[in-house]
Protein backbone atom coordinates (compact mmCIF):
# COMPACT_ATOMS: atom_id res chain seq x y z
CA MET A 1 -1.50 -24.07 1.86
CA PRO A 2 -0.05 -20.60 2.53
CA THR A 3 0.03 -19.72 6.22
CA VAL A 4 -0.98 -16.93 8.55
CA HIS A 5 0.18 -16.53 12.15
CA LEU A 6 -2.55 -16.36 14.78
CA LEU A 7 -1.98 -15.08 18.30
CA ASP A 8 -4.47 -16.60 20.74
CA TYR A 9 -3.80 -14.86 24.03
CA VAL A 10 -7.24 -14.77 25.68
CA ALA A 11 -10.15 -17.11 26.26
CA GLY A 12 -12.56 -17.28 23.36
CA ASN A 13 -13.81 -19.20 20.38
CA VAL A 14 -10.83 -19.26 18.04
CA ARG A 15 -11.91 -22.54 16.42
CA SER A 16 -14.34 -20.63 14.19
CA LEU A 17 -11.60 -18.23 13.14
CA VAL A 18 -9.30 -21.13 12.27
CA ASN A 19 -12.12 -22.75 10.29
CA ALA A 20 -12.74 -19.49 8.43
CA ILE A 21 -9.04 -19.09 7.63
CA ASN A 22 -8.95 -22.66 6.32
CA GLU A 23 -12.12 -22.01 4.31
CA VAL A 24 -10.44 -19.17 2.37
CA GLY A 25 -7.37 -21.26 1.58
CA TYR A 26 -4.86 -20.61 4.37
CA ASP A 27 -3.37 -22.65 7.16
CA VAL A 28 -2.73 -21.40 10.70
CA GLU A 29 0.57 -21.26 12.55
CA TRP A 30 0.15 -20.47 16.23
CA VAL A 31 2.16 -17.82 17.98
CA ARG A 32 3.25 -19.51 21.20
CA SER A 33 5.82 -16.98 22.36
CA PRO A 34 6.96 -13.43 21.52
CA GLU A 35 9.92 -14.91 19.61
CA ASP A 36 7.50 -16.57 17.17
CA LEU A 37 6.47 -13.14 15.90
CA LYS A 38 9.86 -12.74 14.20
CA ASP A 39 8.84 -15.40 11.69
CA ALA A 40 5.31 -14.08 11.12
CA GLN A 41 4.64 -12.50 7.74
CA LYS A 42 0.87 -12.15 8.14
CA LEU A 43 -0.39 -11.74 11.71
CA ILE A 44 -3.97 -11.85 13.04
CA LEU A 45 -4.76 -10.68 16.55
CA PRO A 46 -8.27 -11.77 17.67
CA GLY A 47 -9.83 -10.80 20.96
CA VAL A 48 -12.93 -11.14 23.08
CA GLY A 49 -13.91 -9.85 26.47
CA HIS A 50 -12.50 -7.06 28.59
CA PHE A 51 -10.10 -4.51 27.04
CA GLY A 52 -7.94 -4.17 30.14
CA HIS A 53 -7.68 -7.92 30.67
CA CYS A 54 -6.72 -8.54 27.04
CA ILE A 55 -4.06 -5.82 26.93
CA SER A 56 -2.69 -6.92 30.28
CA GLN A 57 -2.43 -10.49 29.00
CA LEU A 58 -0.44 -9.25 26.01
CA SER A 59 1.77 -7.12 28.22
CA ASP A 60 2.41 -9.84 30.78
CA GLY A 61 3.27 -12.28 28.00
CA GLY A 62 5.78 -9.88 26.45
CA TYR A 63 3.81 -9.49 23.22
CA LEU A 64 3.10 -5.76 23.04
CA GLY A 65 6.55 -4.71 21.83
CA PRO A 66 6.89 -7.45 19.19
CA ILE A 67 3.35 -6.77 17.90
CA LYS A 68 4.13 -3.09 17.50
CA LYS A 69 7.43 -3.93 15.81
CA HIS A 70 5.61 -6.26 13.40
CA ILE A 71 3.19 -3.48 12.46
CA GLU A 72 5.93 -0.86 12.10
CA SER A 73 7.90 -3.19 9.82
CA GLY A 74 5.11 -2.97 7.24
CA LYS A 75 4.11 -6.62 7.41
CA PRO A 76 0.35 -7.35 7.15
CA PHE A 77 -1.55 -7.11 10.43
CA MET A 78 -5.24 -7.72 11.16
CA GLY A 79 -7.00 -7.05 14.46
CA ILE A 80 -10.45 -8.44 15.24
CA CYS A 81 -12.83 -7.00 17.88
CA VAL A 82 -10.66 -6.33 20.96
CA GLY A 83 -7.74 -6.97 18.61
CA MET A 84 -8.84 -3.82 16.77
CA GLN A 85 -9.45 -1.90 20.00
CA ALA A 86 -5.86 -2.66 21.05
CA LEU A 87 -4.66 -0.35 18.25
CA PHE A 88 -6.22 2.68 19.96
CA ASP A 89 -4.85 4.85 22.77
CA GLY A 90 -7.11 3.23 25.35
CA SER A 91 -10.67 2.50 26.43
CA GLU A 92 -13.18 3.67 29.01
CA GLU A 93 -13.56 -0.01 29.88
CA ASP A 94 -10.25 0.21 31.75
CA PRO A 95 -8.89 3.78 31.73
CA ASN A 96 -5.68 2.77 33.48
CA VAL A 97 -4.53 0.38 30.75
CA PRO A 98 -3.03 1.99 27.62
CA GLY A 99 -3.45 0.51 24.17
CA LEU A 100 -0.82 0.35 21.43
CA GLY A 101 -1.43 4.01 20.57
CA ILE A 102 -1.33 3.51 16.80
CA ILE A 103 -4.72 5.20 16.39
CA PRO A 104 -5.03 8.41 18.47
CA MET A 105 -8.53 7.82 19.85
CA ARG A 106 -10.11 6.15 22.87
CA MET A 107 -12.91 3.60 22.94
CA GLN A 108 -16.14 4.76 24.59
CA LYS A 109 -19.16 2.92 25.93
CA PHE A 110 -22.39 3.15 23.96
CA ASN A 111 -24.54 5.78 25.62
CA ASN A 112 -27.82 5.53 23.73
CA GLN A 113 -30.59 5.13 26.30
CA THR A 114 -32.99 3.48 23.85
CA LYS A 115 -30.67 0.64 22.84
CA SER A 116 -29.52 -2.51 24.56
CA VAL A 117 -25.90 -2.90 25.59
CA PRO A 118 -23.95 -4.91 24.52
CA HIS A 119 -24.59 -4.14 20.87
CA ILE A 120 -25.18 -7.63 19.47
CA GLY A 121 -26.14 -8.41 15.92
CA TRP A 122 -25.70 -7.79 12.22
CA ASN A 123 -24.81 -4.25 11.24
CA SER A 124 -23.12 -2.33 8.44
CA ALA A 125 -19.53 -1.50 7.54
CA ILE A 126 -19.85 1.33 5.02
CA LYS A 127 -16.86 3.29 3.73
CA THR A 128 -17.06 6.91 4.76
CA THR A 129 -15.27 8.44 1.77
CA SER A 130 -14.32 7.15 -1.65
CA ASP A 131 -13.29 8.49 -5.02
CA SER A 132 -15.45 5.83 -6.54
CA ARG A 133 -18.40 4.20 -4.84
CA SER A 134 -17.72 1.09 -6.88
CA GLN A 135 -14.54 0.48 -4.88
CA SER A 136 -14.09 -0.80 -1.37
CA PHE A 137 -11.24 -1.66 0.97
CA TYR A 138 -10.84 -5.35 1.70
CA GLY A 139 -14.10 -6.23 -0.01
CA LEU A 140 -16.43 -4.47 2.42
CA SER A 141 -19.76 -3.91 0.74
CA PRO A 142 -22.51 -1.39 1.57
CA ASN A 143 -25.00 -4.14 0.75
CA SER A 144 -23.53 -6.59 3.26
CA LYS A 145 -24.05 -7.03 6.98
CA TYR A 146 -21.43 -8.08 9.53
CA TYR A 147 -21.71 -9.57 13.00
CA TYR A 148 -20.85 -7.34 15.97
CA VAL A 149 -20.83 -8.02 19.69
CA HIS A 150 -19.38 -5.27 21.90
CA SER A 151 -20.18 -2.62 24.50
CA TYR A 152 -17.37 -0.18 23.70
CA ALA A 153 -16.66 1.44 20.36
CA ALA A 154 -14.61 4.07 18.57
CA LEU A 155 -17.28 6.72 18.07
CA TYR A 156 -16.86 8.33 14.69
CA THR A 157 -16.21 12.02 13.98
CA PRO A 158 -16.24 12.79 10.22
CA GLY A 159 -12.76 13.43 8.84
CA GLU A 160 -10.86 12.94 12.09
CA LEU A 161 -9.31 9.60 11.14
CA GLU A 162 -9.29 10.15 7.39
CA LYS A 163 -6.98 13.19 7.72
CA ASP A 164 -4.31 10.81 9.03
CA GLY A 165 -4.68 8.53 6.02
CA TRP A 166 -7.05 5.94 7.48
CA SER A 167 -9.80 4.34 5.41
CA VAL A 168 -12.85 3.97 7.62
CA ALA A 169 -16.07 1.98 7.38
CA THR A 170 -18.77 2.77 9.92
CA ALA A 171 -21.98 1.40 11.35
CA SER A 172 -24.69 3.12 13.36
CA TYR A 173 -26.33 2.01 16.57
CA GLY A 174 -29.20 4.20 17.61
CA ASP A 175 -27.96 7.74 17.06
CA GLU A 176 -24.28 6.83 17.49
CA GLU A 177 -22.00 6.18 14.52
CA PHE A 178 -18.90 4.13 15.22
CA VAL A 179 -15.92 2.57 13.47
CA GLY A 180 -16.75 -0.88 12.11
CA ALA A 181 -13.51 -1.36 10.20
CA ILE A 182 -10.35 0.65 9.62
CA ALA A 183 -7.32 0.29 7.36
CA ARG A 184 -4.09 2.05 6.46
CA GLY A 185 -1.08 0.61 4.70
CA ASN A 186 -0.43 -2.85 6.08
CA ILE A 187 -3.09 -2.57 8.83
CA PHE A 188 -6.66 -3.85 8.60
CA ALA A 189 -8.86 -4.11 11.66
CA THR A 190 -12.53 -4.87 12.25
CA GLN A 191 -14.82 -4.34 15.21
CA PHE A 192 -17.05 -7.04 13.73
CA HIS A 193 -16.15 -10.73 13.65
CA PRO A 194 -15.45 -11.76 10.03
CA GLU A 195 -15.42 -15.44 11.00
CA LYS A 196 -19.02 -15.04 12.19
CA SER A 197 -20.22 -12.79 9.36
CA GLY A 198 -21.07 -15.42 6.78
CA GLN A 199 -19.78 -15.05 3.24
CA ALA A 200 -19.36 -11.28 3.65
CA GLY A 201 -16.92 -11.87 6.49
CA LEU A 202 -15.06 -14.59 4.58
CA ARG A 203 -14.69 -12.17 1.66
CA ALA A 204 -13.02 -9.59 3.93
CA LEU A 205 -10.76 -12.20 5.51
CA ARG A 206 -9.73 -13.58 2.12
CA ALA A 207 -9.02 -10.07 0.81
CA PHE A 208 -6.70 -9.34 3.75
CA LEU A 209 -4.82 -12.61 3.42
CA ASN A 210 -4.46 -12.19 -0.35
CA GLY A 211 -3.35 -8.57 0.01
CA ASP A 212 -6.31 -7.24 -1.99
CA GLN A 213 -6.74 -3.94 -0.15
CA VAL A 214 -8.70 -2.22 -2.91
CA GLN A 215 -11.43 -4.20 -4.60
CA SER A 216 -14.04 -3.37 -7.20
CA LEU A 217 -17.58 -4.12 -6.14
CA PRO A 218 -20.33 -5.39 -8.43
CA THR A 219 -22.38 -2.65 -10.07
CA GLU A 220 -25.41 -3.47 -7.98
CA ALA A 221 -23.33 -2.91 -4.84
CA SER A 222 -22.20 0.59 -5.82
CA ILE A 223 -25.01 2.31 -3.94
CA ASP A 224 -25.24 4.65 -1.01
CA GLY A 225 -25.39 1.97 1.63
CA ARG A 226 -26.04 4.52 4.36
CA LYS A 227 -29.71 4.37 3.41
CA ALA A 228 -29.68 0.77 4.61
CA SER A 229 -27.27 1.33 7.49
CA GLY A 230 -27.99 0.06 10.95
CA LEU A 231 -28.76 -3.02 12.96
CA THR A 232 -30.88 -5.69 11.30
CA ARG A 233 -33.60 -7.78 12.88
CA ARG A 234 -32.01 -11.03 14.01
CA ILE A 235 -33.73 -14.33 13.25
CA ILE A 236 -32.36 -17.25 15.26
CA ALA A 237 -32.93 -20.93 14.53
CA CYS A 238 -33.07 -23.05 17.66
CA LEU A 239 -32.48 -26.80 17.73
CA ASP A 240 -33.45 -28.86 20.77
CA VAL A 241 -31.01 -31.75 20.74
CA ARG A 242 -31.26 -34.94 22.75
CA ALA A 243 -30.49 -38.62 22.57
CA ASN A 244 -33.38 -40.74 21.32
CA ASP A 245 -34.23 -44.16 22.65
CA THR A 246 -31.53 -45.83 20.56
CA GLY A 247 -28.82 -43.37 21.66
CA ASP A 248 -28.61 -41.25 18.49
CA LEU A 249 -28.56 -37.46 18.76
CA VAL A 250 -31.61 -35.94 17.09
CA VAL A 251 -33.32 -32.59 16.81
CA THR A 252 -36.68 -32.76 18.53
CA LYS A 253 -39.53 -30.45 19.47
CA GLY A 254 -42.41 -30.81 21.85
CA ASP A 255 -45.50 -29.13 23.18
CA GLN A 256 -44.72 -27.46 26.50
CA TYR A 257 -41.47 -29.45 26.68
CA ASP A 258 -43.00 -32.91 26.06
CA VAL A 259 -40.95 -34.31 23.16
CA ARG A 260 -42.44 -37.79 22.87
CA GLU A 261 -44.84 -38.81 20.12
CA LYS A 262 -48.51 -39.18 21.03
CA SER A 263 -49.92 -40.37 17.69
CA GLY A 264 -48.93 -41.81 14.34
CA VAL A 265 -46.57 -44.67 13.57
CA ASP A 266 -44.22 -43.65 16.37
CA ALA A 267 -46.92 -43.43 19.00
CA GLY A 268 -46.10 -45.09 22.27
CA GLY A 269 -43.63 -42.66 23.70
CA GLN A 270 -40.82 -42.52 21.12
CA VAL A 271 -38.73 -39.33 21.11
CA ARG A 272 -39.84 -37.10 18.24
CA ASN A 273 -37.06 -37.14 15.61
CA LEU A 274 -36.98 -34.16 13.27
CA GLY A 275 -33.48 -34.58 11.84
CA LYS A 276 -29.73 -34.55 12.40
CA PRO A 277 -28.32 -31.51 14.25
CA VAL A 278 -25.29 -30.78 12.02
CA ASP A 279 -27.25 -31.10 8.76
CA MET A 280 -30.11 -28.95 10.01
CA ALA A 281 -27.79 -26.23 11.34
CA LYS A 282 -26.09 -25.98 7.95
CA ARG A 283 -29.49 -25.81 6.23
CA TYR A 284 -30.60 -22.92 8.42
CA TYR A 285 -27.30 -21.11 7.87
CA GLU A 286 -27.80 -21.38 4.11
CA GLN A 287 -31.35 -20.10 4.52
CA GLY A 288 -29.98 -16.98 6.21
CA ALA A 289 -30.28 -17.68 9.93
CA ASP A 290 -28.41 -14.98 11.82
CA GLU A 291 -27.51 -17.35 14.65
CA VAL A 292 -27.97 -21.01 15.47
CA THR A 293 -28.73 -22.18 19.01
CA PHE A 294 -28.35 -25.74 20.24
CA LEU A 295 -30.21 -26.57 23.43
CA ASN A 296 -28.91 -29.84 24.80
CA ILE A 297 -32.00 -31.12 26.60
CA THR A 298 -30.32 -34.24 27.90
CA SER A 299 -27.22 -34.04 30.05
CA PHE A 300 -25.37 -37.15 28.77
CA ARG A 301 -24.64 -38.08 32.38
CA ASN A 302 -22.97 -41.34 31.41
CA CYS A 303 -20.36 -39.68 29.18
CA PRO A 304 -17.05 -38.19 30.28
CA VAL A 305 -17.37 -34.41 30.19
CA ALA A 306 -14.54 -33.99 27.69
CA ASP A 307 -16.25 -36.48 25.38
CA THR A 308 -19.77 -35.10 25.54
CA PRO A 309 -21.51 -35.70 22.16
CA MET A 310 -22.44 -32.02 21.87
CA LEU A 311 -18.74 -31.15 21.62
CA GLU A 312 -18.51 -33.11 18.38
CA ILE A 313 -21.75 -31.51 17.14
CA LEU A 314 -20.18 -28.08 17.67
CA ARG A 315 -16.88 -29.04 16.06
CA ARG A 316 -18.56 -30.33 12.93
CA THR A 317 -21.08 -27.48 12.71
CA SER A 318 -18.45 -24.75 13.07
CA GLU A 319 -16.63 -26.09 9.99
CA THR A 320 -19.43 -25.02 7.64
CA VAL A 321 -21.60 -22.58 9.58
CA PHE A 322 -20.08 -19.11 9.81
CA VAL A 323 -22.59 -17.40 12.07
CA PRO A 324 -22.66 -17.37 15.89
CA LEU A 325 -23.35 -20.68 17.64
CA THR A 326 -24.89 -20.86 21.11
CA ILE A 327 -24.98 -24.02 23.23
CA GLY A 328 -27.16 -24.54 26.27
CA GLY A 329 -27.59 -27.40 28.69
CA GLY A 330 -25.31 -28.90 31.31
CA ILE A 331 -23.18 -25.79 31.82
CA LYS A 332 -22.79 -25.97 35.58
CA ASP A 333 -20.47 -27.26 38.27
CA THR A 334 -20.48 -31.01 37.83
CA ILE A 335 -18.77 -34.25 38.73
CA ASP A 336 -17.22 -36.25 35.89
CA THR A 337 -17.76 -39.98 35.49
CA ASP A 338 -14.42 -40.64 37.21
CA GLY A 339 -15.38 -38.49 40.20
CA THR A 340 -13.42 -35.39 39.17
CA GLN A 341 -14.96 -32.06 40.16
CA ILE A 342 -15.38 -29.83 37.09
CA SER A 343 -16.46 -26.21 37.28
CA ALA A 344 -19.03 -24.53 35.08
CA LEU A 345 -16.18 -22.40 33.70
CA ASP A 346 -14.29 -25.51 32.62
CA VAL A 347 -17.40 -26.95 30.98
CA ALA A 348 -17.93 -23.67 29.12
CA LYS A 349 -14.28 -23.66 28.06
CA MET A 350 -14.75 -27.06 26.41
CA TYR A 351 -17.73 -25.74 24.47
CA PHE A 352 -15.89 -22.59 23.38
CA LYS A 353 -12.89 -24.61 22.20
CA SER A 354 -15.26 -26.81 20.20
CA GLY A 355 -16.82 -23.91 18.30
CA ALA A 356 -19.43 -22.24 20.51
CA ASP A 357 -19.55 -18.46 20.70
CA LYS A 358 -21.99 -18.26 23.59
CA VAL A 359 -23.19 -20.54 26.34
CA SER A 360 -26.76 -20.55 27.60
CA ILE A 361 -27.45 -21.15 31.29
CA GLY A 362 -30.93 -22.20 32.43
CA SER A 363 -31.87 -23.72 35.77
CA ASP A 364 -28.60 -22.75 37.44
CA SER A 365 -29.33 -19.08 36.75
CA VAL A 366 -32.57 -19.38 38.75
CA PHE A 367 -30.78 -20.97 41.71
CA ALA A 368 -28.08 -18.28 41.50
CA ALA A 369 -30.72 -15.52 41.49
CA GLU A 370 -32.37 -17.01 44.57
CA GLU A 371 -29.04 -16.95 46.38
CA TYR A 372 -28.43 -13.38 45.19
CA TYR A 373 -31.62 -12.11 46.82
CA ALA A 374 -31.16 -14.26 49.92
CA ALA A 375 -27.77 -12.55 50.40
CA GLY A 376 -29.30 -9.07 50.13
CA GLU A 377 -28.56 -8.58 46.42
CA LYS A 378 -24.86 -9.26 46.86
CA LEU A 379 -22.70 -11.01 44.29
CA THR A 380 -20.55 -13.95 45.31
CA GLY A 381 -18.30 -14.00 42.25
CA LYS A 382 -18.67 -17.78 42.20
CA THR A 383 -21.77 -18.40 40.09
CA ALA A 384 -21.48 -19.84 36.60
CA ILE A 385 -22.65 -16.54 35.11
CA GLU A 386 -20.04 -14.52 37.00
CA THR A 387 -17.08 -16.81 36.40
CA ILE A 388 -17.77 -17.33 32.70
CA SER A 389 -18.54 -13.67 31.93
CA LYS A 390 -15.41 -12.58 33.78
CA ALA A 391 -13.25 -14.91 31.69
CA TYR A 392 -14.98 -14.57 28.32
CA GLY A 393 -16.97 -11.34 28.52
CA ASN A 394 -20.66 -10.87 29.20
CA GLN A 395 -21.45 -11.21 25.49
CA ALA A 396 -20.59 -14.91 25.81
CA VAL A 397 -23.24 -15.65 28.46
CA VAL A 398 -26.93 -16.07 27.63
CA VAL A 399 -29.50 -16.84 30.32
CA SER A 400 -32.39 -19.01 29.17
CA VAL A 401 -35.57 -18.27 31.12
CA ASP A 402 -38.64 -20.54 31.22
CA PRO A 403 -41.47 -18.60 32.91
CA LYS A 404 -45.17 -19.40 33.09
CA ARG A 405 -48.18 -17.26 33.94
CA VAL A 406 -49.74 -17.29 37.40
CA TYR A 407 -53.06 -15.44 37.53
CA VAL A 408 -54.20 -13.47 40.59
CA ASN A 409 -57.21 -11.30 41.40
CA SER A 410 -55.12 -8.22 42.15
CA PRO A 411 -51.47 -7.17 42.60
CA GLU A 412 -52.01 -7.22 46.35
CA ASP A 413 -52.53 -10.98 46.24
CA THR A 414 -48.83 -11.64 45.61
CA ASN A 415 -45.48 -10.15 46.51
CA HIS A 416 -44.31 -10.67 42.92
CA HIS A 417 -44.21 -8.17 40.06
CA THR A 418 -47.54 -8.32 38.19
CA ILE A 419 -49.00 -6.99 34.97
CA LYS A 420 -52.58 -6.31 33.95
CA THR A 421 -53.11 -8.60 31.01
CA GLU A 422 -55.27 -8.23 27.94
CA PHE A 423 -55.95 -11.96 28.18
CA PRO A 424 -57.80 -12.85 31.43
CA ASN A 425 -58.08 -16.51 32.30
CA ASP A 426 -61.31 -18.51 32.37
CA ALA A 427 -61.97 -17.30 35.91
CA GLY A 428 -61.85 -13.68 34.74
CA GLN A 429 -58.61 -12.82 36.59
CA GLN A 430 -56.97 -9.83 34.89
CA PHE A 431 -53.60 -9.79 36.66
CA CYS A 432 -50.74 -12.22 36.43
CA TRP A 433 -47.09 -12.65 37.28
CA TYR A 434 -44.51 -14.78 35.51
CA GLN A 435 -43.12 -17.55 37.65
CA CYS A 436 -39.69 -18.95 36.82
CA THR A 437 -39.28 -22.69 36.38
CA VAL A 438 -36.33 -25.08 36.35
CA LYS A 439 -35.55 -28.56 35.06
CA GLY A 440 -37.15 -28.03 31.68
CA GLY A 441 -40.29 -26.46 33.10
CA ARG A 442 -41.02 -29.39 35.39
CA GLU A 443 -40.51 -27.50 38.65
CA THR A 444 -41.64 -24.01 39.68
CA ARG A 445 -39.73 -21.65 41.98
CA ASP A 446 -40.83 -18.72 44.14
CA ILE A 447 -39.13 -16.10 41.97
CA ASP A 448 -40.57 -13.98 39.17
CA VAL A 449 -39.10 -13.13 35.80
CA TRP A 450 -38.40 -9.51 36.78
CA GLN A 451 -36.35 -10.63 39.75
CA LEU A 452 -34.46 -13.13 37.66
CA ALA A 453 -33.73 -10.71 34.82
CA LYS A 454 -32.38 -8.03 37.14
CA ALA A 455 -30.26 -10.52 39.08
CA VAL A 456 -28.59 -12.13 36.07
CA GLU A 457 -27.90 -8.73 34.52
CA ALA A 458 -26.10 -7.76 37.73
CA MET A 459 -24.11 -11.01 37.58
CA GLY A 460 -22.84 -10.26 34.09
CA ALA A 461 -25.17 -12.02 31.66
CA GLY A 462 -25.07 -10.46 28.20
CA GLU A 463 -28.42 -11.63 26.80
CA ILE A 464 -31.66 -13.24 27.89
CA LEU A 465 -33.33 -15.97 25.86
CA LEU A 466 -36.92 -15.41 26.94
CA ASN A 467 -39.04 -18.53 26.54
CA CYS A 468 -42.65 -18.92 27.63
CA ILE A 469 -44.05 -22.26 28.71
CA ASP A 470 -47.63 -21.13 28.03
CA LYS A 471 -46.73 -20.40 24.40
CA ASP A 472 -44.33 -23.25 23.67
CA GLY A 473 -45.59 -25.38 20.78
CA SER A 474 -48.75 -23.31 20.41
CA ASN A 475 -47.89 -21.66 17.06
CA SER A 476 -50.02 -18.75 18.29
CA GLY A 477 -47.34 -16.08 18.39
CA PHE A 478 -44.97 -14.72 21.00
CA ASP A 479 -46.10 -13.54 24.43
CA LEU A 480 -45.79 -9.82 23.72
CA GLU A 481 -46.79 -8.80 27.23
CA LEU A 482 -44.00 -10.89 28.73
CA ILE A 483 -41.42 -9.52 26.31
CA ASN A 484 -42.32 -5.88 26.93
CA ASP A 485 -42.35 -6.48 30.66
CA VAL A 486 -38.83 -7.96 30.72
CA LYS A 487 -37.46 -5.35 28.29
CA ALA A 488 -38.64 -2.64 30.69
CA ALA A 489 -36.67 -4.24 33.53
CA ILE A 490 -33.20 -4.52 32.02
CA LYS A 491 -30.71 -2.99 29.60
CA ILE A 492 -29.19 -6.14 28.09
CA PRO A 493 -30.63 -7.63 24.87
CA VAL A 494 -33.63 -9.97 24.90
CA ILE A 495 -34.32 -12.79 22.44
CA ALA A 496 -38.04 -13.52 22.03
CA SER A 497 -38.80 -17.24 22.03
CA SER A 498 -41.77 -19.66 22.12
CA GLY A 499 -44.92 -19.52 20.03
CA ALA A 500 -43.75 -18.60 16.51
CA GLY A 501 -45.80 -20.40 13.88
CA VAL A 502 -45.95 -18.12 10.83
CA PRO A 503 -43.85 -15.22 9.45
CA GLU A 504 -46.47 -12.75 10.64
CA HIS A 505 -45.56 -13.57 14.24
CA PHE A 506 -42.03 -12.25 13.68
CA ALA A 507 -43.34 -9.01 12.22
CA GLU A 508 -45.73 -8.70 15.14
CA VAL A 509 -43.05 -9.13 17.79
CA PHE A 510 -40.77 -6.57 16.11
CA ASN A 511 -43.65 -4.13 15.64
CA ARG A 512 -45.13 -4.36 19.11
CA THR A 513 -42.07 -4.89 21.30
CA THR A 514 -38.50 -3.66 21.42
CA THR A 515 -37.07 -7.19 21.42
CA ASP A 516 -33.58 -7.48 19.99
CA ALA A 517 -34.06 -10.82 18.20
CA ALA A 518 -36.66 -13.51 17.64
CA LEU A 519 -36.25 -17.27 17.65
CA GLY A 520 -38.02 -19.98 15.71
CA ALA A 521 -37.88 -23.76 16.02
CA GLY A 522 -40.76 -26.10 15.18
CA MET A 523 -42.03 -24.11 12.21
CA PHE A 524 -38.56 -24.44 10.64
CA HIS A 525 -37.95 -28.04 11.66
CA ARG A 526 -41.27 -29.27 10.27
CA GLY A 527 -40.64 -27.50 6.96
CA GLU A 528 -43.71 -25.28 7.27
CA TYR A 529 -41.59 -22.17 6.61
CA THR A 530 -37.93 -21.50 5.92
CA VAL A 531 -35.80 -18.85 7.56
CA SER A 532 -35.50 -17.11 4.20
CA GLN A 533 -39.29 -16.97 3.85
CA VAL A 534 -39.54 -15.26 7.24
CA LYS A 535 -36.87 -12.76 6.20
CA ASP A 536 -38.51 -12.12 2.83
CA TYR A 537 -41.75 -11.40 4.64
CA LEU A 538 -40.06 -9.01 7.07
CA GLY A 539 -38.23 -7.25 4.23
CA ALA A 540 -41.50 -6.76 2.37
CA LYS A 541 -42.92 -5.17 5.52
CA GLY A 542 -40.07 -2.66 5.67
CA PHE A 543 -37.87 -4.30 8.30
CA LEU A 544 -34.11 -4.21 7.80
CA VAL A 545 -32.90 -7.83 7.59
CA ARG A 546 -29.72 -9.55 6.49
CA GLN A 547 -30.03 -11.74 3.43
CA PHE A 548 -27.79 -14.76 2.93
CA GLU A 549 -24.93 -14.20 0.49
CA SER A 550 -23.87 -17.12 -1.66
CA ASN A 551 -20.22 -18.15 -2.05
CA ILE A 552 -18.08 -15.18 -2.99
């Protein structure tokens, strides 16, 4: 196969990028030293995390000069995410670190008070000017959506970049328009992740590698995409994965976390088996799932950490699923089977190298929050959330919360944050607080969901996966009161989870809360509804959603 050189200089999930490059017909040669750049004809610079850290890594490794020389020579160059940001003069994220200065602008933090930061999800990349709306650079389509995850952006001013010969495609987040992709001559760069943007992203990657800068779009795509510009509603498919009684990994689902059969031919305590993780993840991807989450609900304590079965699940899934993958379970400081101490950061690194884009931390986040408040709301810098987000960026860390309602007669009856609920309990109590649990909901802790959310945001978490034990397995809809309560406490995105049973529940949660995404599990696993049916329903109700694109 023809080759492209890839410079991996920071921590992150590059396995998915390699898989995407292979998928479009190219092989990867790694840049191991600045001298390797002399032989590079096509060069891709990916990046995740902190702008200053990434640029400093390049500088300390002696790469900045050779990268700039490669670009100035006219050889093809592609920057992805922070790899794109490196082309600019600098960033507010670290004002003291200069970029390559090829694009005379600085990155700025999103400042829209009504939107979550980081900006995570599927958004547009629409060309700002064109002699013909039926043409696009590098296959970017106004009908397509692309996956973004970032807090800083090149905010767009009409004509400012175009006057210097740049082709620009933008997206909007709230009332701010920003650069989603940019190209001039031999340079193509994207703020979005093409390797995580499904077939639309693969099309852009293939166009760059093939040198197809200008492409004709299908007639149906030659529309004013700005009418459909903006962030879509994310639908996430979640797979609870565990070993069954014979040792095979299966997708399972329970009622309030009980995953063993109670009736039917498998009655007698067998683990509920709903299918194989890799096959089901691919199915949901092809149905249009915007992300896939694996929750490893057994810890595989008898396996060496580096040989954990979930690593192989991720490796195989990332070969055919080109949307973000999240893995949760067992991401904590641990002791390997040979007695070796392994940090949560090292465990996360194994998952990232195997194909994960995010890690989800559950019980350990509760213990860390308790320590945070016990220390007077001071950070230690040693928690799993802090160490992983520092190395990989806060967008790579999700905190999974499992709260349950505790009813009280009045707010004065507890020192926890309460709400007045529309759903009193059988005793007529109209107030409740949400108590955090650990160990799969089996143990309660004296900390409420507000306290937890604020603590993990301070530690550097980028998203909260908000479950609800009272709703889990009920098929009665999401706990809207819980979602609105947590959204009011924090700025980072929230994923609504637990309770979805029909497409109407997704419309309800998007109508009545400001949640950033919604997650489904059992209704998909049991075949009652598909992801595409949920999206079709939302689209018919006027919600902006991303539809799956077939092979391009």
